[in-house]
């Protein structure tokens, strides 16, 4: 499902206009990006039941250039991380009874 399909499905389910849903969706993304950027490693952006977005620190490490086989240094960096919630896990793989 892409963004347009998601917006259409939410509009149908809530009887809101597609334009209204898109404004809310875009605002949510902008606010979430700003929160993660401002708070860096202390930030969590939680969607209850769906999952949590956060920023993680990756340590510097050695890597290998696949074209030349030469060893290269990869600097430390911050990366976005998503951890899915219990409800999403159970939706994809229901618990056995």
N, C-alpha and C. Protein backbone atom coordinates (compact mmCIF):
# COMPACT_ATOMS: atom_id res chain seq x y z
N UNK A 1 0.85 -1.17 0.00
CA UNK A 1 0.00 0.00 0.00
C UNK A 1 0.90 1.23 0.00
N UNK A 2 0.64 2.13 -0.92
CA UNK A 2 1.42 3.36 -0.95
C UNK A 2 0.67 4.47 -0.21
N UNK A 3 1.28 5.66 -0.15
CA UNK A 3 0.70 6.76 0.61
C UNK A 3 -0.68 7.16 0.09
N UNK A 4 -0.83 7.25 -1.22
CA UNK A 4 -2.12 7.63 -1.80
C UNK A 4 -3.21 6.62 -1.45
N UNK A 5 -2.88 5.34 -1.51
CA UNK A 5 -3.85 4.30 -1.16
C UNK A 5 -4.21 4.35 0.32
N UNK A 6 -3.22 4.63 1.17
CA UNK A 6 -3.47 4.75 2.60
C UNK A 6 -4.40 5.92 2.89
N UNK A 7 -4.13 7.05 2.27
CA UNK A 7 -4.96 8.24 2.47
C UNK A 7 -6.38 7.98 1.99
N UNK A 8 -6.53 7.32 0.86
CA UNK A 8 -7.87 7.01 0.35
C UNK A 8 -8.61 6.06 1.31
N UNK A 9 -7.92 5.05 1.82
CA UNK A 9 -8.55 4.10 2.74
C UNK A 9 -8.98 4.78 4.04
N UNK A 10 -8.14 5.67 4.56
CA UNK A 10 -8.50 6.39 5.79
C UNK A 10 -9.69 7.32 5.52
N UNK A 11 -9.68 7.99 4.37
CA UNK A 11 -10.79 8.87 4.01
C UNK A 11 -12.09 8.09 3.92
N UNK A 12 -12.05 6.92 3.31
CA UNK A 12 -13.25 6.08 3.19
C UNK A 12 -13.73 5.60 4.57
N UNK A 13 -12.79 5.21 5.42
CA UNK A 13 -13.15 4.66 6.73
C UNK A 13 -13.68 5.74 7.69
N UNK A 14 -13.21 6.98 7.53
CA UNK A 14 -13.58 8.04 8.47
C UNK A 14 -14.57 9.04 7.91
N UNK A 15 -14.88 8.94 6.65
CA UNK A 15 -15.77 9.88 5.96
C UNK A 15 -15.20 11.30 5.95
N UNK A 16 -13.88 11.43 6.06
CA UNK A 16 -13.20 12.71 5.90
C UNK A 16 -12.77 12.85 4.45
N UNK A 17 -12.48 14.08 4.03
CA UNK A 17 -12.02 14.26 2.66
C UNK A 17 -10.58 13.77 2.52
N UNK A 18 -10.22 13.38 1.31
CA UNK A 18 -8.84 12.95 1.06
C UNK A 18 -7.87 14.09 1.36
N UNK A 19 -8.25 15.32 1.00
CA UNK A 19 -7.39 16.48 1.24
C UNK A 19 -7.17 16.68 2.74
N UNK A 20 -8.22 16.52 3.53
CA UNK A 20 -8.11 16.65 4.98
C UNK A 20 -7.21 15.58 5.58
N UNK A 21 -7.39 14.36 5.14
CA UNK A 21 -6.55 13.25 5.63
C UNK A 21 -5.10 13.49 5.24
N UNK A 22 -4.86 13.96 4.02
CA UNK A 22 -3.50 14.22 3.56
C UNK A 22 -2.84 15.31 4.40
N UNK A 23 -3.60 16.37 4.74
CA UNK A 23 -3.04 17.43 5.58
C UNK A 23 -2.65 16.89 6.95
N UNK A 24 -3.50 16.05 7.53
CA UNK A 24 -3.19 15.46 8.84
C UNK A 24 -1.96 14.55 8.73
N UNK A 25 -1.93 13.73 7.69
CA UNK A 25 -0.82 12.81 7.49
C UNK A 25 0.50 13.57 7.30
N UNK A 26 0.48 14.61 6.47
CA UNK A 26 1.68 15.41 6.23
C UNK A 26 2.12 16.14 7.50
N UNK A 27 1.17 16.66 8.26
CA UNK A 27 1.49 17.33 9.52
C UNK A 27 2.12 16.36 10.50
N UNK A 28 1.57 15.16 10.58
CA UNK A 28 2.11 14.14 11.48
C UNK A 28 3.56 13.82 11.12
N UNK A 29 3.83 13.66 9.83
CA UNK A 29 5.20 13.38 9.39
C UNK A 29 6.13 14.52 9.76
N UNK A 30 5.73 15.77 9.46
CA UNK A 30 6.59 16.93 9.73
C UNK A 30 6.87 17.07 11.23
N UNK A 31 5.84 16.90 12.05
CA UNK A 31 6.02 17.00 13.50
C UNK A 31 6.92 15.87 13.99
N UNK A 32 6.72 14.66 13.47
CA UNK A 32 7.55 13.53 13.85
C UNK A 32 9.01 13.73 13.46
N UNK A 33 9.25 14.20 12.23
CA UNK A 33 10.62 14.46 11.78
C UNK A 33 11.28 15.51 12.67
N UNK A 34 10.55 16.59 12.97
CA UNK A 34 11.10 17.66 13.80
C UNK A 34 11.43 17.14 15.20
N UNK A 35 10.57 16.32 15.76
CA UNK A 35 10.79 15.74 17.09
C UNK A 35 12.05 14.88 17.11
N UNK A 36 12.18 14.00 16.12
CA UNK A 36 13.35 13.11 16.06
C UNK A 36 14.62 13.91 15.82
N UNK A 37 14.55 14.94 14.97
CA UNK A 37 15.73 15.75 14.67
C UNK A 37 16.17 16.57 15.88
N UNK A 38 15.19 17.14 16.59
CA UNK A 38 15.49 18.00 17.74
C UNK A 38 16.04 17.19 18.91
N UNK A 39 15.44 16.07 19.21
CA UNK A 39 15.79 15.30 20.40
C UNK A 39 16.80 14.19 20.14
N UNK A 40 17.12 13.95 18.90
CA UNK A 40 18.12 12.97 18.47
C UNK A 40 17.99 11.63 19.19
N UNK A 41 18.98 11.23 19.97
CA UNK A 41 19.01 9.89 20.55
C UNK A 41 18.01 9.70 21.69
N UNK A 42 17.44 10.79 22.21
CA UNK A 42 16.48 10.68 23.30
C UNK A 42 15.05 10.63 22.79
N UNK A 43 14.86 10.65 21.48
CA UNK A 43 13.51 10.75 20.91
C UNK A 43 12.92 9.39 20.60
N UNK A 44 11.64 9.25 20.90
CA UNK A 44 10.85 8.12 20.46
C UNK A 44 9.58 8.69 19.85
N UNK A 45 9.16 8.15 18.73
CA UNK A 45 7.91 8.54 18.09
C UNK A 45 7.06 7.28 18.08
N UNK A 46 6.08 7.22 18.98
CA UNK A 46 5.33 5.99 19.20
C UNK A 46 3.97 6.07 18.52
N UNK A 47 3.63 5.01 17.80
CA UNK A 47 2.29 4.79 17.26
C UNK A 47 1.75 3.59 18.01
N UNK A 48 0.94 3.81 19.06
CA UNK A 48 0.50 2.69 19.91
C UNK A 48 -0.10 1.55 19.09
N UNK A 49 0.36 0.35 19.37
CA UNK A 49 -0.12 -0.84 18.68
C UNK A 49 0.57 -1.10 17.35
N UNK A 50 1.19 -0.07 16.78
CA UNK A 50 1.85 -0.23 15.48
C UNK A 50 3.36 -0.37 15.67
N UNK A 51 3.97 0.59 16.38
CA UNK A 51 5.39 0.49 16.60
C UNK A 51 6.00 1.79 17.07
N UNK A 52 7.33 1.79 17.13
CA UNK A 52 8.06 2.95 17.64
C UNK A 52 9.21 3.27 16.69
N UNK A 53 9.32 4.55 16.35
CA UNK A 53 10.45 5.05 15.59
C UNK A 53 11.40 5.72 16.58
N UNK A 54 12.70 5.54 16.38
CA UNK A 54 13.67 6.23 17.21
C UNK A 54 14.97 6.41 16.43
N UNK A 55 15.89 7.13 17.02
CA UNK A 55 17.20 7.36 16.41
C UNK A 55 18.22 6.55 17.18
N UNK A 56 19.05 5.81 16.46
CA UNK A 56 20.10 5.00 17.09
C UNK A 56 21.47 5.47 16.61
N UNK A 57 22.47 5.28 17.45
CA UNK A 57 23.84 5.63 17.10
C UNK A 57 24.55 4.39 16.59
N UNK A 58 25.08 4.45 15.41
CA UNK A 58 25.91 3.36 14.87
C UNK A 58 27.37 3.71 15.10
N UNK A 59 28.14 2.78 15.60
CA UNK A 59 29.56 3.01 15.88
C UNK A 59 30.36 3.02 14.57
N UNK A 60 31.52 3.67 14.61
CA UNK A 60 32.39 3.62 13.44
C UNK A 60 32.88 2.19 13.28
N UNK A 61 33.19 1.82 12.04
CA UNK A 61 33.62 0.45 11.78
C UNK A 61 34.42 0.38 10.51
N UNK A 62 35.04 -0.75 10.31
CA UNK A 62 35.80 -1.00 9.08
C UNK A 62 34.87 -1.68 8.09
N UNK A 63 34.99 -1.33 6.84
CA UNK A 63 34.23 -1.97 5.78
C UNK A 63 35.15 -2.30 4.63
N UNK A 64 34.59 -2.94 3.60
CA UNK A 64 35.37 -3.31 2.42
C UNK A 64 34.65 -2.78 1.19
N UNK A 65 35.39 -2.07 0.35
CA UNK A 65 34.85 -1.61 -0.92
C UNK A 65 34.66 -2.84 -1.81
N UNK A 66 33.43 -3.17 -2.20
CA UNK A 66 33.21 -4.40 -2.97
C UNK A 66 33.82 -4.38 -4.37
N UNK A 67 34.05 -3.19 -4.91
CA UNK A 67 34.63 -3.12 -6.26
C UNK A 67 36.13 -3.33 -6.25
N UNK A 68 36.80 -2.80 -5.21
CA UNK A 68 38.27 -2.88 -5.18
C UNK A 68 38.80 -3.85 -4.13
N UNK A 69 37.97 -4.23 -3.15
CA UNK A 69 38.42 -5.08 -2.08
C UNK A 69 39.22 -4.31 -1.04
N UNK A 70 39.32 -3.00 -1.21
CA UNK A 70 40.10 -2.16 -0.32
C UNK A 70 39.35 -1.92 0.99
N UNK A 71 40.07 -1.89 2.11
CA UNK A 71 39.48 -1.62 3.41
C UNK A 71 39.20 -0.12 3.53
N UNK A 72 38.00 0.22 4.04
CA UNK A 72 37.63 1.62 4.23
C UNK A 72 37.06 1.82 5.63
N UNK A 73 37.22 3.02 6.14
CA UNK A 73 36.66 3.37 7.44
C UNK A 73 35.26 3.94 7.22
N UNK A 74 34.28 3.42 7.94
CA UNK A 74 32.91 3.93 7.89
C UNK A 74 32.70 4.71 9.17
N UNK A 75 32.40 6.02 9.07
CA UNK A 75 32.28 6.84 10.27
C UNK A 75 31.03 6.51 11.09
N UNK A 76 31.04 6.90 12.37
CA UNK A 76 29.87 6.76 13.23
C UNK A 76 28.76 7.65 12.68
N UNK A 77 27.51 7.23 12.88
CA UNK A 77 26.39 8.03 12.39
C UNK A 77 25.11 7.67 13.13
N UNK A 78 24.15 8.54 13.00
CA UNK A 78 22.83 8.31 13.58
C UNK A 78 21.92 7.78 12.48
N UNK A 79 21.10 6.79 12.81
CA UNK A 79 20.20 6.18 11.82
C UNK A 79 18.80 6.03 12.41
N UNK A 80 17.76 6.14 11.57
CA UNK A 80 16.41 5.88 12.06
C UNK A 80 16.18 4.39 12.22
N UNK A 81 15.44 4.02 13.28
CA UNK A 81 15.17 2.62 13.58
C UNK A 81 13.68 2.48 13.86
N UNK A 82 13.08 1.38 13.41
CA UNK A 82 11.67 1.10 13.70
C UNK A 82 11.57 -0.23 14.41
N UNK A 83 10.82 -0.25 15.50
CA UNK A 83 10.55 -1.50 16.23
C UNK A 83 9.04 -1.68 16.23
N UNK A 84 8.58 -2.78 15.66
CA UNK A 84 7.13 -2.97 15.56
C UNK A 84 6.52 -3.33 16.91
N UNK A 85 5.25 -2.94 17.06
CA UNK A 85 4.53 -3.19 18.30
C UNK A 85 3.91 -4.58 18.33
N UNK A 86 3.43 -4.96 19.49
CA UNK A 86 2.86 -6.28 19.70
C UNK A 86 1.65 -6.53 18.81
N UNK A 87 0.77 -5.54 18.69
CA UNK A 87 -0.42 -5.72 17.86
C UNK A 87 -0.05 -5.99 16.40
N UNK A 88 0.95 -5.28 15.88
CA UNK A 88 1.39 -5.49 14.50
C UNK A 88 2.00 -6.88 14.35
N UNK A 89 2.82 -7.29 15.31
CA UNK A 89 3.41 -8.64 15.27
C UNK A 89 2.32 -9.70 15.24
N UNK A 90 1.31 -9.54 16.11
CA UNK A 90 0.23 -10.52 16.18
C UNK A 90 -0.65 -10.50 14.94
N UNK A 91 -0.75 -9.37 14.28
CA UNK A 91 -1.52 -9.28 13.04
C UNK A 91 -0.83 -10.06 11.92
N UNK A 92 0.49 -9.93 11.87
CA UNK A 92 1.26 -10.60 10.82
C UNK A 92 1.43 -12.09 11.13
N UNK A 93 1.71 -12.42 12.38
CA UNK A 93 1.91 -13.80 12.80
C UNK A 93 1.11 -14.04 14.07
N UNK A 94 -0.16 -14.43 13.93
CA UNK A 94 -0.99 -14.66 15.13
C UNK A 94 -0.38 -15.70 16.05
N UNK A 95 -0.61 -15.50 17.35
CA UNK A 95 -0.12 -16.47 18.33
C UNK A 95 -0.88 -17.77 18.16
N UNK A 96 -0.16 -18.87 18.33
CA UNK A 96 -0.81 -20.18 18.23
C UNK A 96 -1.54 -20.47 19.53
N UNK A 97 -2.70 -21.06 19.42
CA UNK A 97 -3.50 -21.35 20.61
C UNK A 97 -3.40 -22.79 21.01
